[in-house]
Amino acid sequence: MNSTAAQEVAPPASTASGPAQIVVNRDTGKMGSLCATELYVDGALVGRVQPGQSTTVLAPAEAKELLARPALESYICKKIYSLPQWERRAPLNGQSATFRYGFNAKGEPFMEATQ
């Protein structure tokens, strides 16, 4: 990825009211497999997900953004993924949504809305 701006994805439409249920499914594979994924809602850490696992977090109805990024716990994760260009963002707008998070063949993280 040549851009230093974080990639944004759009969430699917939802008719849910009250707290938004955010589901993140983490891919498995060689690339990025040493790094857990941290999940933030409006800047607050709300969860972590390991490769091959899923997690669900509740976000307040007024929540605006989900941010996912590699956890910087190991030396290799710090060395490779410490720059903001590896963050992935998605607008929430108080809606429930499901996302897939993983790494492509070049080692770049991605996050996409799913149904």
PDB file of N, CA and C in Angstrom:
ATOM      1  N   MET A   1       0.846  -1.177   0.000  1.00  0.00           N
ATOM      2  CA  MET A   1       0.000   0.000   0.000  1.00  0.00           C
ATOM      3  C   MET A   1       0.886   1.231   0.000  1.00  0.00           C
ATOM      4  N   ASN A   2       0.724   2.083  -0.962  1.00  0.00           N
ATOM      5  CA  ASN A   2       1.578   3.250  -1.089  1.00  0.00           C
ATOM      6  C   ASN A   2       1.053   4.450  -0.331  1.00  0.00           C
ATOM      7  N   SER A   3      -0.226   4.499  -0.064  1.00  0.00           N
ATOM      8  CA  SER A   3      -0.836   5.636   0.598  1.00  0.00           C
ATOM      9  C   SER A   3      -0.628   5.557   2.104  1.00  0.00           C
ATOM     10  N   THR A   4      -0.440   6.716   2.732  1.00  0.00           N
ATOM     11  CA  THR A   4      -0.326   6.735   4.182  1.00  0.00           C
ATOM     12  C   THR A   4      -1.682   6.962   4.834  1.00  0.00           C
ATOM     13  N   ALA A   5      -2.715   7.176   4.054  1.00  0.00           N
ATOM     14  CA  ALA A   5      -4.057   7.343   4.603  1.00  0.00           C
ATOM     15  C   ALA A   5      -4.655   5.981   4.898  1.00  0.00           C
ATOM     16  N   ALA A   6      -5.418   5.909   5.972  1.00  0.00           N
ATOM     17  CA  ALA A   6      -6.071   4.652   6.335  1.00  0.00           C
ATOM     18  C   ALA A   6      -7.192   4.349   5.347  1.00  0.00           C
ATOM     19  N   GLN A   7      -7.322   3.083   5.018  1.00  0.00           N
ATOM     20  CA  GLN A   7      -8.368   2.644   4.101  1.00  0.00           C
ATOM     21  C   GLN A   7      -9.709   2.660   4.817  1.00  0.00           C
ATOM     22  N   GLU A   8     -10.753   3.145   4.150  1.00  0.00           N
ATOM     23  CA  GLU A   8     -12.087   3.165   4.729  1.00  0.00           C
ATOM     24  C   GLU A   8     -12.987   2.229   3.956  1.00  0.00           C
ATOM     25  N   VAL A   9     -13.913   1.598   4.690  1.00  0.00           N
ATOM     26  CA  VAL A   9     -14.915   0.738   4.067  1.00  0.00           C
ATOM     27  C   VAL A   9     -16.277   1.155   4.580  1.00  0.00           C
ATOM     28  N   ALA A  10     -17.290   0.919   3.798  1.00  0.00           N
ATOM     29  CA  ALA A  10     -18.649   1.270   4.188  1.00  0.00           C
ATOM     30  C   ALA A  10     -19.343   0.065   4.800  1.00  0.00           C
ATOM     31  N   PRO A  11     -20.085   0.260   5.909  1.00  0.00           N
ATOM     32  CA  PRO A  11     -20.812  -0.852   6.506  1.00  0.00           C
ATOM     33  C   PRO A  11     -22.093  -1.143   5.731  1.00  0.00           C
ATOM     34  N   PRO A  12     -22.635  -2.353   5.849  1.00  0.00           N
ATOM     35  CA  PRO A  12     -23.907  -2.644   5.213  1.00  0.00           C
ATOM     36  C   PRO A  12     -25.033  -1.903   5.919  1.00  0.00           C
ATOM     37  N   ALA A  13     -26.126  -1.708   5.233  1.00  0.00           N
ATOM     38  CA  ALA A  13     -27.285  -1.046   5.820  1.00  0.00           C
ATOM     39  C   ALA A  13     -27.869  -1.922   6.919  1.00  0.00           C
ATOM     40  N   SER A  14     -28.442  -1.296   7.931  1.00  0.00           N
ATOM     41  CA  SER A  14     -29.037  -2.030   9.041  1.00  0.00           C
ATOM     42  C   SER A  14     -30.241  -1.265   9.557  1.00  0.00           C
ATOM     43  N   THR A  15     -31.184  -1.987  10.103  1.00  0.00           N
ATOM     44  CA  THR A  15     -32.357  -1.353  10.688  1.00  0.00           C
ATOM     45  C   THR A  15     -32.363  -1.526  12.205  1.00  0.00           C
ATOM     46  N   ALA A  16     -31.247  -1.945  12.785  1.00  0.00           N
ATOM     47  CA  ALA A  16     -31.169  -2.183  14.221  1.00  0.00           C
ATOM     48  C   ALA A  16     -31.310  -0.884  15.000  1.00  0.00           C
ATOM     49  N   SER A  17     -31.940  -0.962  16.190  1.00  0.00           N
ATOM     50  CA  SER A  17     -32.023   0.192  17.075  1.00  0.00           C
ATOM     51  C   SER A  17     -31.320  -0.167  18.375  1.00  0.00           C
ATOM     52  N   GLY A  18     -30.968   0.862  19.156  1.00  0.00           N
ATOM     53  CA  GLY A  18     -30.230   0.602  20.390  1.00  0.00           C
ATOM     54  C   GLY A  18     -28.763   0.394  20.091  1.00  0.00           C
ATOM     55  N   PRO A  19     -28.049  -0.295  20.997  1.00  0.00           N
ATOM     56  CA  PRO A  19     -26.613  -0.526  20.752  1.00  0.00           C
ATOM     57  C   PRO A  19     -26.395  -1.300  19.451  1.00  0.00           C
ATOM     58  N   ALA A  20     -25.361  -0.933  18.749  1.00  0.00           N
ATOM     59  CA  ALA A  20     -25.021  -1.619  17.499  1.00  0.00           C
ATOM     60  C   ALA A  20     -24.166  -2.840  17.810  1.00  0.00           C
ATOM     61  N   GLN A  21     -24.488  -3.950  17.187  1.00  0.00           N
ATOM     62  CA  GLN A  21     -23.708  -5.178  17.342  1.00  0.00           C
ATOM     63  C   GLN A  21     -22.697  -5.226  16.196  1.00  0.00           C
ATOM     64  N   ILE A  22     -21.416  -5.192  16.546  1.00  0.00           N
ATOM     65  CA  ILE A  22     -20.345  -5.192  15.559  1.00  0.00           C
ATOM     66  C   ILE A  22     -19.634  -6.540  15.633  1.00  0.00           C
ATOM     67  N   VAL A  23     -19.644  -7.280  14.536  1.00  0.00           N
ATOM     68  CA  VAL A  23     -18.996  -8.582  14.461  1.00  0.00           C
ATOM     69  C   VAL A  23     -17.782  -8.444  13.547  1.00  0.00           C
ATOM     70  N   VAL A  24     -16.629  -8.942  14.000  1.00  0.00           N
ATOM     71  CA  VAL A  24     -15.425  -8.928  13.176  1.00  0.00           C
ATOM     72  C   VAL A  24     -14.917 -10.365  13.069  1.00  0.00           C
ATOM     73  N   ASN A  25     -14.828 -10.850  11.844  1.00  0.00           N
ATOM     74  CA  ASN A  25     -14.297 -12.176  11.535  1.00  0.00           C
ATOM     75  C   ASN A  25     -12.877 -12.002  11.024  1.00  0.00           C
ATOM     76  N   ARG A  26     -11.930 -12.651  11.688  1.00  0.00           N
ATOM     77  CA  ARG A  26     -10.511 -12.504  11.344  1.00  0.00           C
ATOM     78  C   ARG A  26     -10.079 -13.686  10.483  1.00  0.00           C
ATOM     79  N   ASP A  27      -9.547 -13.387   9.310  1.00  0.00           N
ATOM     80  CA  ASP A  27      -9.039 -14.421   8.399  1.00  0.00           C
ATOM     81  C   ASP A  27      -7.828 -15.135   8.991  1.00  0.00           C
ATOM     82  N   THR A  28      -7.549 -16.303   8.425  1.00  0.00           N
ATOM     83  CA  THR A  28      -6.307 -17.002   8.730  1.00  0.00           C
ATOM     84  C   THR A  28      -5.424 -16.932   7.486  1.00  0.00           C
ATOM     85  N   GLY A  29      -4.202 -17.300   7.625  1.00  0.00           N
ATOM     86  CA  GLY A  29      -3.268 -17.279   6.506  1.00  0.00           C
ATOM     87  C   GLY A  29      -1.892 -16.910   6.993  1.00  0.00           C
ATOM     88  N   LYS A  30      -0.914 -17.045   6.113  1.00  0.00           N
ATOM     89  CA  LYS A  30       0.469 -16.753   6.500  1.00  0.00           C
ATOM     90  C   LYS A  30       0.680 -15.280   6.834  1.00  0.00           C
ATOM     91  N   MET A  31       0.183 -14.409   5.983  1.00  0.00           N
ATOM     92  CA  MET A  31       0.427 -12.985   6.166  1.00  0.00           C
ATOM     93  C   MET A  31      -0.349 -12.471   7.375  1.00  0.00           C
ATOM     94  N   GLY A  32       0.342 -11.792   8.266  1.00  0.00           N
ATOM     95  CA  GLY A  32      -0.293 -11.206   9.432  1.00  0.00           C
ATOM     96  C   GLY A  32      -0.668 -12.193  10.516  1.00  0.00           C
ATOM     97  N   SER A  33      -0.280 -13.456  10.368  1.00  0.00           N
ATOM     98  CA  SER A  33      -0.720 -14.479  11.318  1.00  0.00           C
ATOM     99  C   SER A  33      -0.069 -14.335  12.696  1.00  0.00           C
ATOM    100  N   LEU A  34       1.003 -13.582  12.797  1.00  0.00           N
ATOM    101  CA  LEU A  34       1.660 -13.396  14.088  1.00  0.00           C
ATOM    102  C   LEU A  34       1.043 -12.272  14.908  1.00  0.00           C
ATOM    103  N   CYS A  35       0.148 -11.509  14.295  1.00  0.00           N
ATOM    104  CA  CYS A  35      -0.414 -10.339  14.967  1.00  0.00           C
ATOM    105  C   CYS A  35      -1.898 -10.518  15.252  1.00  0.00           C
ATOM    106  N   ALA A  36      -2.285 -10.295  16.494  1.00  0.00           N
ATOM    107  CA  ALA A  36      -3.701 -10.198  16.827  1.00  0.00           C
ATOM    108  C   ALA A  36      -4.212  -8.881  16.236  1.00  0.00           C
ATOM    109  N   THR A  37      -5.505  -8.687  16.245  1.00  0.00           N
ATOM    110  CA  THR A  37      -6.098  -7.456  15.739  1.00  0.00           C
ATOM    111  C   THR A  37      -6.795  -6.731  16.879  1.00  0.00           C
ATOM    112  N   GLU A  38      -6.500  -5.463  17.041  1.00  0.00           N
ATOM    113  CA  GLU A  38      -7.176  -4.635  18.034  1.00  0.00           C
ATOM    114  C   GLU A  38      -8.324  -3.901  17.361  1.00  0.00           C
ATOM    115  N   LEU A  39      -9.444  -3.783  18.081  1.00  0.00           N
ATOM    116  CA  LEU A  39     -10.635  -3.112  17.574  1.00  0.00           C
ATOM    117  C   LEU A  39     -10.956  -1.913  18.459  1.00  0.00           C
ATOM    118  N   TYR A  40     -11.192  -0.784  17.824  1.00  0.00           N
ATOM    119  CA  TYR A  40     -11.507   0.452  18.527  1.00  0.00           C
ATOM    120  C   TYR A  40     -12.822   1.001  18.001  1.00  0.00           C
ATOM    121  N   VAL A  41     -13.659   1.498  18.889  1.00  0.00           N
ATOM    122  CA  VAL A  41     -14.870   2.217  18.503  1.00  0.00           C
ATOM    123  C   VAL A  41     -14.700   3.640  19.006  1.00  0.00           C
ATOM    124  N   ASP A  42     -14.716   4.569  18.095  1.00  0.00           N
ATOM    125  CA  ASP A  42     -14.520   5.990  18.407  1.00  0.00           C
ATOM    126  C   ASP A  42     -13.295   6.209  19.300  1.00  0.00           C
ATOM    127  N   GLY A  43     -12.204   5.511  18.990  1.00  0.00           N
ATOM    128  CA  GLY A  43     -10.943   5.705  19.676  1.00  0.00           C
ATOM    129  C   GLY A  43     -10.740   4.889  20.941  1.00  0.00           C
ATOM    130  N   ALA A  44     -11.767   4.198  21.421  1.00  0.00           N
ATOM    131  CA  ALA A  44     -11.645   3.387  22.637  1.00  0.00           C
ATOM    132  C   ALA A  44     -11.458   1.915  22.261  1.00  0.00           C
ATOM    133  N   LEU A  45     -10.451   1.277  22.867  1.00  0.00           N
ATOM    134  CA  LEU A  45     -10.212  -0.144  22.630  1.00  0.00           C
ATOM    135  C   LEU A  45     -11.402  -0.939  23.169  1.00  0.00           C
ATOM    136  N   VAL A  46     -12.037  -1.744  22.295  1.00  0.00           N
ATOM    137  CA  VAL A  46     -13.224  -2.503  22.695  1.00  0.00           C
ATOM    138  C   VAL A  46     -13.050  -4.002  22.537  1.00  0.00           C
ATOM    139  N   GLY A  47     -11.995  -4.435  21.868  1.00  0.00           N
ATOM    140  CA  GLY A  47     -11.816  -5.863  21.697  1.00  0.00           C
ATOM    141  C   GLY A  47     -10.573  -6.216  20.924  1.00  0.00           C
ATOM    142  N   ARG A  48     -10.304  -7.521  20.916  1.00  0.00           N
ATOM    143  CA  ARG A  48      -9.190  -8.088  20.172  1.00  0.00           C
ATOM    144  C   ARG A  48      -9.685  -9.358  19.522  1.00  0.00           C
ATOM    145  N   VAL A  49      -9.105  -9.675  18.387  1.00  0.00           N
ATOM    146  CA  VAL A  49      -9.465 -10.916  17.712  1.00  0.00           C
ATOM    147  C   VAL A  49      -8.197 -11.550  17.149  1.00  0.00           C
ATOM    148  N   GLN A  50      -8.075 -12.849  17.347  1.00  0.00           N
ATOM    149  CA  GLN A  50      -6.932 -13.616  16.869  1.00  0.00           C
ATOM    150  C   GLN A  50      -7.235 -14.167  15.475  1.00  0.00           C
ATOM    151  N   PRO A  51      -6.213 -14.512  14.696  1.00  0.00           N
ATOM    152  CA  PRO A  51      -6.448 -15.131  13.384  1.00  0.00           C
ATOM    153  C   PRO A  51      -7.349 -16.363  13.508  1.00  0.00           C
ATOM    154  N   GLY A  52      -8.340 -16.447  12.628  1.00  0.00           N
ATOM    155  CA  GLY A  52      -9.259 -17.578  12.602  1.00  0.00           C
ATOM    156  C   GLY A  52     -10.403 -17.474  13.587  1.00  0.00           C
ATOM    157  N   GLN A  53     -10.489 -16.389  14.336  1.00  0.00           N
ATOM    158  CA  GLN A  53     -11.551 -16.232  15.318  1.00  0.00           C
ATOM    159  C   GLN A  53     -12.469 -15.079  14.946  1.00  0.00           C
ATOM    160  N   SER A  54     -13.585 -15.010  15.657  1.00  0.00           N
ATOM    161  CA  SER A  54     -14.534 -13.915  15.500  1.00  0.00           C
ATOM    162  C   SER A  54     -14.788 -13.299  16.861  1.00  0.00           C
ATOM    163  N   THR A  55     -15.167 -12.048  16.861  1.00  0.00           N
ATOM    164  CA  THR A  55     -15.564 -11.398  18.103  1.00  0.00           C
ATOM    165  C   THR A  55     -16.735 -10.473  17.821  1.00  0.00           C
ATOM    166  N   THR A  56     -17.526 -10.258  18.846  1.00  0.00           N
ATOM    167  CA  THR A  56     -18.665  -9.356  18.750  1.00  0.00           C
ATOM    168  C   THR A  56     -18.551  -8.322  19.855  1.00  0.00           C
ATOM    169  N   VAL A  57     -18.722  -7.077  19.499  1.00  0.00           N
ATOM    170  CA  VAL A  57     -18.711  -5.996  20.483  1.00  0.00           C
ATOM    171  C   VAL A  57     -19.989  -5.179  20.310  1.00  0.00           C
ATOM    172  N   LEU A  58     -20.446  -4.593  21.397  1.00  0.00           N
ATOM    173  CA  LEU A  58     -21.590  -3.693  21.334  1.00  0.00           C
ATOM    174  C   LEU A  58     -21.074  -2.265  21.318  1.00  0.00           C
ATOM    175  N   ALA A  59     -21.572  -1.491  20.379  1.00  0.00           N
ATOM    176  CA  ALA A  59     -21.170  -0.091  20.259  1.00  0.00           C
ATOM    177  C   ALA A  59     -22.384   0.782  20.546  1.00  0.00           C
ATOM    178  N   PRO A  60     -22.192   1.883  21.242  1.00  0.00           N
ATOM    179  CA  PRO A  60     -23.317   2.784  21.505  1.00  0.00           C
ATOM    180  C   PRO A  60     -23.970   3.243  20.202  1.00  0.00           C
ATOM    181  N   ALA A  61     -25.245   3.552  20.268  1.00  0.00           N
ATOM    182  CA  ALA A  61     -25.971   3.990  19.074  1.00  0.00           C
ATOM    183  C   ALA A  61     -25.319   5.204  18.420  1.00  0.00           C
ATOM    184  N   GLU A  62     -24.648   6.028  19.224  1.00  0.00           N
ATOM    185  CA  GLU A  62     -24.012   7.234  18.673  1.00  0.00           C
ATOM    186  C   GLU A  62     -22.605   6.970  18.129  1.00  0.00           C
ATOM    187  N   ALA A  63     -22.137   5.735  18.179  1.00  0.00           N
ATOM    188  CA  ALA A  63     -20.787   5.411  17.686  1.00  0.00           C
ATOM    189  C   ALA A  63     -20.657   5.755  16.207  1.00  0.00           C
ATOM    190  N   LYS A  64     -19.534   6.322  15.851  1.00  0.00           N
ATOM    191  CA  LYS A  64     -19.316   6.785  14.479  1.00  0.00           C
ATOM    192  C   LYS A  64     -18.352   5.921  13.676  1.00  0.00           C
ATOM    193  N   GLU A  65     -17.350   5.303  14.346  1.00  0.00           N
ATOM    194  CA  GLU A  65     -16.296   4.656  13.560  1.00  0.00           C
ATOM    195  C   GLU A  65     -15.721   3.423  14.254  1.00  0.00           C
ATOM    196  N   LEU A  66     -15.460   2.398  13.449  1.00  0.00           N
ATOM    197  CA  LEU A  66     -14.709   1.220  13.871  1.00  0.00           C
ATOM    198  C   LEU A  66     -13.324   1.327  13.260  1.00  0.00           C
ATOM    199  N   LEU A  67     -12.300   1.112  14.072  1.00  0.00           N
ATOM    200  CA  LEU A  67     -10.927   1.093  13.590  1.00  0.00           C
ATOM    201  C   LEU A  67     -10.343  -0.262  13.957  1.00  0.00           C
ATOM    202  N   ALA A  68      -9.701  -0.905  13.008  1.00  0.00           N
ATOM    203  CA  ALA A  68      -9.013  -2.170  13.248  1.00  0.00           C
ATOM    204  C   ALA A  68      -7.557  -1.990  12.859  1.00  0.00           C
ATOM    205  N   ARG A  69      -6.674  -2.538  13.685  1.00  0.00           N
ATOM    206  CA  ARG A  69      -5.251  -2.461  13.374  1.00  0.00           C
ATOM    207  C   ARG A  69      -4.525  -3.624  14.036  1.00  0.00           C
ATOM    208  N   PRO A  70      -3.373  -4.004  13.485  1.00  0.00           N
ATOM    209  CA  PRO A  70      -2.592  -5.072  14.106  1.00  0.00           C
ATOM    210  C   PRO A  70      -2.150  -4.671  15.510  1.00  0.00           C
ATOM    211  N   ALA A  71      -2.265  -5.602  16.447  1.00  0.00           N
ATOM    212  CA  ALA A  71      -1.757  -5.365  17.804  1.00  0.00           C
ATOM    213  C   ALA A  71      -0.239  -5.352  17.742  1.00  0.00           C
ATOM    214  N   LEU A  72       0.366  -4.449  18.465  1.00  0.00           N
ATOM    215  CA  LEU A  72       1.811  -4.263  18.391  1.00  0.00           C
ATOM    216  C   LEU A  72       2.507  -4.903  19.587  1.00  0.00           C
ATOM    217  N   GLU A  73       2.208  -6.170  19.836  1.00  0.00           N
ATOM    218  CA  GLU A  73       2.763  -6.857  21.003  1.00  0.00           C
ATOM    219  C   GLU A  73       4.104  -7.530  20.723  1.00  0.00           C
ATOM    220  N   SER A  74       4.274  -8.059  19.544  1.00  0.00           N
ATOM    221  CA  SER A  74       5.522  -8.765  19.240  1.00  0.00           C
ATOM    222  C   SER A  74       6.472  -7.845  18.470  1.00  0.00           C
ATOM    223  N   TYR A  75       7.744  -8.211  18.470  1.00  0.00           N
ATOM    224  CA  TYR A  75       8.746  -7.425  17.756  1.00  0.00           C
ATOM    225  C   TYR A  75       8.391  -7.293  16.278  1.00  0.00           C
ATOM    226  N   ILE A  76       8.018  -8.399  15.657  1.00  0.00           N
ATOM    227  CA  ILE A  76       7.734  -8.369  14.213  1.00  0.00           C
ATOM    228  C   ILE A  76       6.525  -7.490  13.903  1.00  0.00           C
ATOM    229  N   CYS A  77       5.496  -7.543  14.743  1.00  0.00           N
ATOM    230  CA  CYS A  77       4.320  -6.712  14.508  1.00  0.00           C
ATOM    231  C   CYS A  77       4.656  -5.229  14.678  1.00  0.00           C
ATOM    232  N   LYS A  78       5.461  -4.908  15.696  1.00  0.00           N
ATOM    233  CA  LYS A  78       5.892  -3.515  15.893  1.00  0.00           C
ATOM    234  C   LYS A  78       6.721  -3.041  14.720  1.00  0.00           C
ATOM    235  N   LYS A  79       7.620  -3.880  14.258  1.00  0.00           N
ATOM    236  CA  LYS A  79       8.539  -3.514  13.175  1.00  0.00           C
ATOM    237  C   LYS A  79       7.792  -3.239  11.866  1.00  0.00           C
ATOM    238  N   ILE A  80       6.788  -4.053  11.575  1.00  0.00           N
ATOM    239  CA  ILE A  80       6.105  -3.956  10.285  1.00  0.00           C
ATOM    240  C   ILE A  80       4.872  -3.055  10.317  1.00  0.00           C
ATOM    241  N   TYR A  81       4.072  -3.153  11.380  1.00  0.00           N
ATOM    242  CA  TYR A  81       2.731  -2.556  11.357  1.00  0.00           C
ATOM    243  C   TYR A  81       2.518  -1.371  12.292  1.00  0.00           C
ATOM    244  N   SER A  82       3.553  -0.657  12.681  1.00  0.00           N
ATOM    245  CA  SER A  82       3.373   0.431  13.645  1.00  0.00           C
ATOM    246  C   SER A  82       2.915   1.752  13.021  1.00  0.00           C
ATOM    247  N   LEU A  83       2.887   1.860  11.717  1.00  0.00           N
ATOM    248  CA  LEU A  83       2.485   3.114  11.067  1.00  0.00           C
ATOM    249  C   LEU A  83       0.977   3.186  10.852  1.00  0.00           C
ATOM    250  N   PRO A  84       0.404   4.399  10.869  1.00  0.00           N
ATOM    251  CA  PRO A  84      -1.045   4.550  10.670  1.00  0.00           C
ATOM    252  C   PRO A  84      -1.556   4.010   9.330  1.00  0.00           C
ATOM    253  N   GLN A  85      -0.690   3.852   8.340  1.00  0.00           N
ATOM    254  CA  GLN A  85      -1.146   3.344   7.041  1.00  0.00           C
ATOM    255  C   GLN A  85      -1.710   1.936   7.148  1.00  0.00           C
ATOM    256  N   TRP A  86      -1.463   1.220   8.239  1.00  0.00           N
ATOM    257  CA  TRP A  86      -1.962  -0.144   8.397  1.00  0.00           C
ATOM    258  C   TRP A  86      -3.306  -0.190   9.113  1.00  0.00           C
ATOM    259  N   GLU A  87      -3.822   0.961   9.519  1.00  0.00           N
ATOM    260  CA  GLU A  87      -5.137   1.012  10.151  1.00  0.00           C
ATOM    261  C   GLU A  87      -6.223   0.907   9.086  1.00  0.00           C
ATOM    262  N   ARG A  88      -7.319   0.267   9.460  1.00  0.00           N
ATOM    263  CA  ARG A  88      -8.482   0.185   8.576  1.00  0.00           C
ATOM    264  C   ARG A  88      -9.672   0.742   9.333  1.00  0.00           C
ATOM    265  N   ARG A  89     -10.438   1.598   8.674  1.00  0.00           N
ATOM    266  CA  ARG A  89     -11.558   2.299   9.312  1.00  0.00           C
ATOM    267  C   ARG A  89     -12.859   2.024   8.568  1.00  0.00           C
ATOM    268  N   ALA A  90     -13.947   2.023   9.338  1.00  0.00           N
ATOM    269  CA  ALA A  90     -15.273   1.870   8.744  1.00  0.00           C
ATOM    270  C   ALA A  90     -16.261   2.722   9.534  1.00  0.00           C
ATOM    271  N   PRO A  91     -17.110   3.471   8.844  1.00  0.00           N
ATOM    272  CA  PRO A  91     -18.144   4.238   9.556  1.00  0.00           C
ATOM    273  C   PRO A  91     -19.193   3.288  10.132  1.00  0.00           C
ATOM    274  N   LEU A  92     -19.692   3.614  11.314  1.00  0.00           N
ATOM    275  CA  LEU A  92     -20.720   2.796  11.950  1.00  0.00           C
ATOM    276  C   LEU A  92     -22.083   3.473  11.935  1.00  0.00           C
ATOM    277  N   ASN A  93     -22.130   4.731  12.304  1.00  0.00           N
ATOM    278  CA  ASN A  93     -23.373   5.490  12.313  1.00  0.00           C
ATOM    279  C   ASN A  93     -24.477   4.793  13.093  1.00  0.00           C
ATOM    280  N   GLY A  94     -24.097   4.134  14.202  1.00  0.00           N
ATOM    281  CA  GLY A  94     -25.079   3.505  15.077  1.00  0.00           C
ATOM    282  C   GLY A  94     -25.709   2.237  14.541  1.00  0.00           C
ATOM    283  N   GLN A  95     -25.168   1.703  13.463  1.00  0.00           N
ATOM    284  CA  GLN A  95     -25.761   0.532  12.828  1.00  0.00           C
ATOM    285  C   GLN A  95     -24.959  -0.725  13.125  1.00  0.00           C
ATOM    286  N   SER A  96     -25.664  -1.842  13.292  1.00  0.00           N
ATOM    287  CA  SER A  96     -25.003  -3.134  13.441  1.00  0.00           C
ATOM    288  C   SER A  96     -24.374  -3.520  12.107  1.00  0.00           C
ATOM    289  N   ALA A  97     -23.248  -4.222  12.182  1.00  0.00           N
ATOM    290  CA  ALA A  97     -22.545  -4.594  10.953  1.00  0.00           C
ATOM    291  C   ALA A  97     -21.605  -5.764  11.222  1.00  0.00           C
ATOM    292  N   THR A  98     -21.249  -6.454  10.144  1.00  0.00           N
ATOM    293  CA  THR A  98     -20.282  -7.546  10.202  1.00  0.00           C
ATOM    294  C   THR A  98     -19.150  -7.227   9.233  1.00  0.00           C
ATOM    295  N   PHE A  99     -17.915  -7.448   9.690  1.00  0.00           N
ATOM    296  CA  PHE A  99     -16.746  -7.152   8.884  1.00  0.00           C
ATOM    297  C   PHE A  99     -15.822  -8.354   8.815  1.00  0.00           C
ATOM    298  N   ARG A 100     -15.119  -8.452   7.728  1.00  0.00           N
ATOM    299  CA  ARG A 100     -14.052  -9.443   7.550  1.00  0.00           C
ATOM    300  C   ARG A 100     -12.742  -8.670   7.571  1.00  0.00           C
ATOM    301  N   TYR A 101     -11.786  -9.146   8.385  1.00  0.00           N
ATOM    302  CA  TYR A 101     -10.484  -8.495   8.497  1.00  0.00           C
ATOM    303  C   TYR A 101      -9.410  -9.534   8.215  1.00  0.00           C
ATOM    304  N   GLY A 102      -8.430  -9.172   7.402  1.00  0.00           N
ATOM    305  CA  GLY A 102      -7.344 -10.097   7.089  1.00  0.00           C
ATOM    306  C   GLY A 102      -6.202  -9.370   6.419  1.00  0.00           C
ATOM    307  N   PHE A 103      -5.302 -10.148   5.829  1.00  0.00           N
ATOM    308  CA  PHE A 103      -4.129  -9.604   5.156  1.00  0.00           C
ATOM    309  C   PHE A 103      -4.058 -10.195   3.754  1.00  0.00           C
ATOM    310  N   ASN A 104      -3.728  -9.358   2.772  1.00  0.00           N
ATOM    311  CA  ASN A 104      -3.584  -9.859   1.404  1.00  0.00           C
ATOM    312  C   ASN A 104      -2.202 -10.495   1.221  1.00  0.00           C
ATOM    313  N   ALA A 105      -1.923 -10.959   0.023  1.00  0.00           N
ATOM    314  CA  ALA A 105      -0.670 -11.659  -0.267  1.00  0.00           C
ATOM    315  C   ALA A 105       0.564 -10.768  -0.096  1.00  0.00           C
ATOM    316  N   LYS A 106       0.381  -9.446  -0.148  1.00  0.00           N
ATOM    317  CA  LYS A 106       1.497  -8.518   0.041  1.00  0.00           C
ATOM    318  C   LYS A 106       1.707  -8.171   1.517  1.00  0.00           C
ATOM    319  N   GLY A 107       0.868  -8.723   2.395  1.00  0.00           N
ATOM    320  CA  GLY A 107       0.984  -8.430   3.819  1.00  0.00           C
ATOM    321  C   GLY A 107       0.240  -7.189   4.259  1.00  0.00           C
ATOM    322  N   GLU A 108      -0.599  -6.640   3.398  1.00  0.00           N
ATOM    323  CA  GLU A 108      -1.369  -5.444   3.718  1.00  0.00           C
ATOM    324  C   GLU A 108      -2.716  -5.846   4.323  1.00  0.00           C
ATOM    325  N   PRO A 109      -3.074  -5.257   5.460  1.00  0.00           N
ATOM    326  CA  PRO A 109      -4.360  -5.582   6.049  1.00  0.00           C
ATOM    327  C   PRO A 109      -5.517  -5.002   5.238  1.00  0.00           C
ATOM    328  N   PHE A 110      -6.662  -5.670   5.315  1.00  0.00           N
ATOM    329  CA  PHE A 110      -7.879  -5.162   4.695  1.00  0.00           C
ATOM    330  C   PHE A 110      -9.045  -5.419   5.641  1.00  0.00           C
ATOM    331  N   MET A 111     -10.093  -4.633   5.485  1.00  0.00           N
ATOM    332  CA  MET A 111     -11.337  -4.847   6.220  1.00  0.00           C
ATOM    333  C   MET A 111     -12.466  -4.548   5.260  1.00  0.00           C
ATOM    334  N   GLU A 112     -13.417  -5.479   5.180  1.00  0.00           N
ATOM    335  CA  GLU A 112     -14.547  -5.269   4.283  1.00  0.00           C
ATOM    336  C   GLU A 112     -15.840  -5.634   4.978  1.00  0.00           C
ATOM    337  N   ALA A 113     -16.885  -4.911   4.667  1.00  0.00           N
ATOM    338  CA  ALA A 113     -18.205  -5.201   5.205  1.00  0.00           C
ATOM    339  C   ALA A 113     -18.751  -6.458   4.529  1.00  0.00           C
ATOM    340  N   THR A 114     -19.389  -7.308   5.312  1.00  0.00           N
ATOM    341  CA  THR A 114     -20.006  -8.516   4.786  1.00  0.00           C
ATOM    342  C   THR A 114     -21.444  -8.576   5.259  1.00  0.00           C
ATOM    343  N   GLN A 115     -22.201  -9.516   4.734  1.00  0.00           N
ATOM    344  CA  GLN A 115     -23.606  -9.666   5.156  1.00  0.00           C
ATOM    345  C   GLN A 115     -23.792 -10.928   5.917  1.00  0.00           C
TER     346      GLN A 115
END
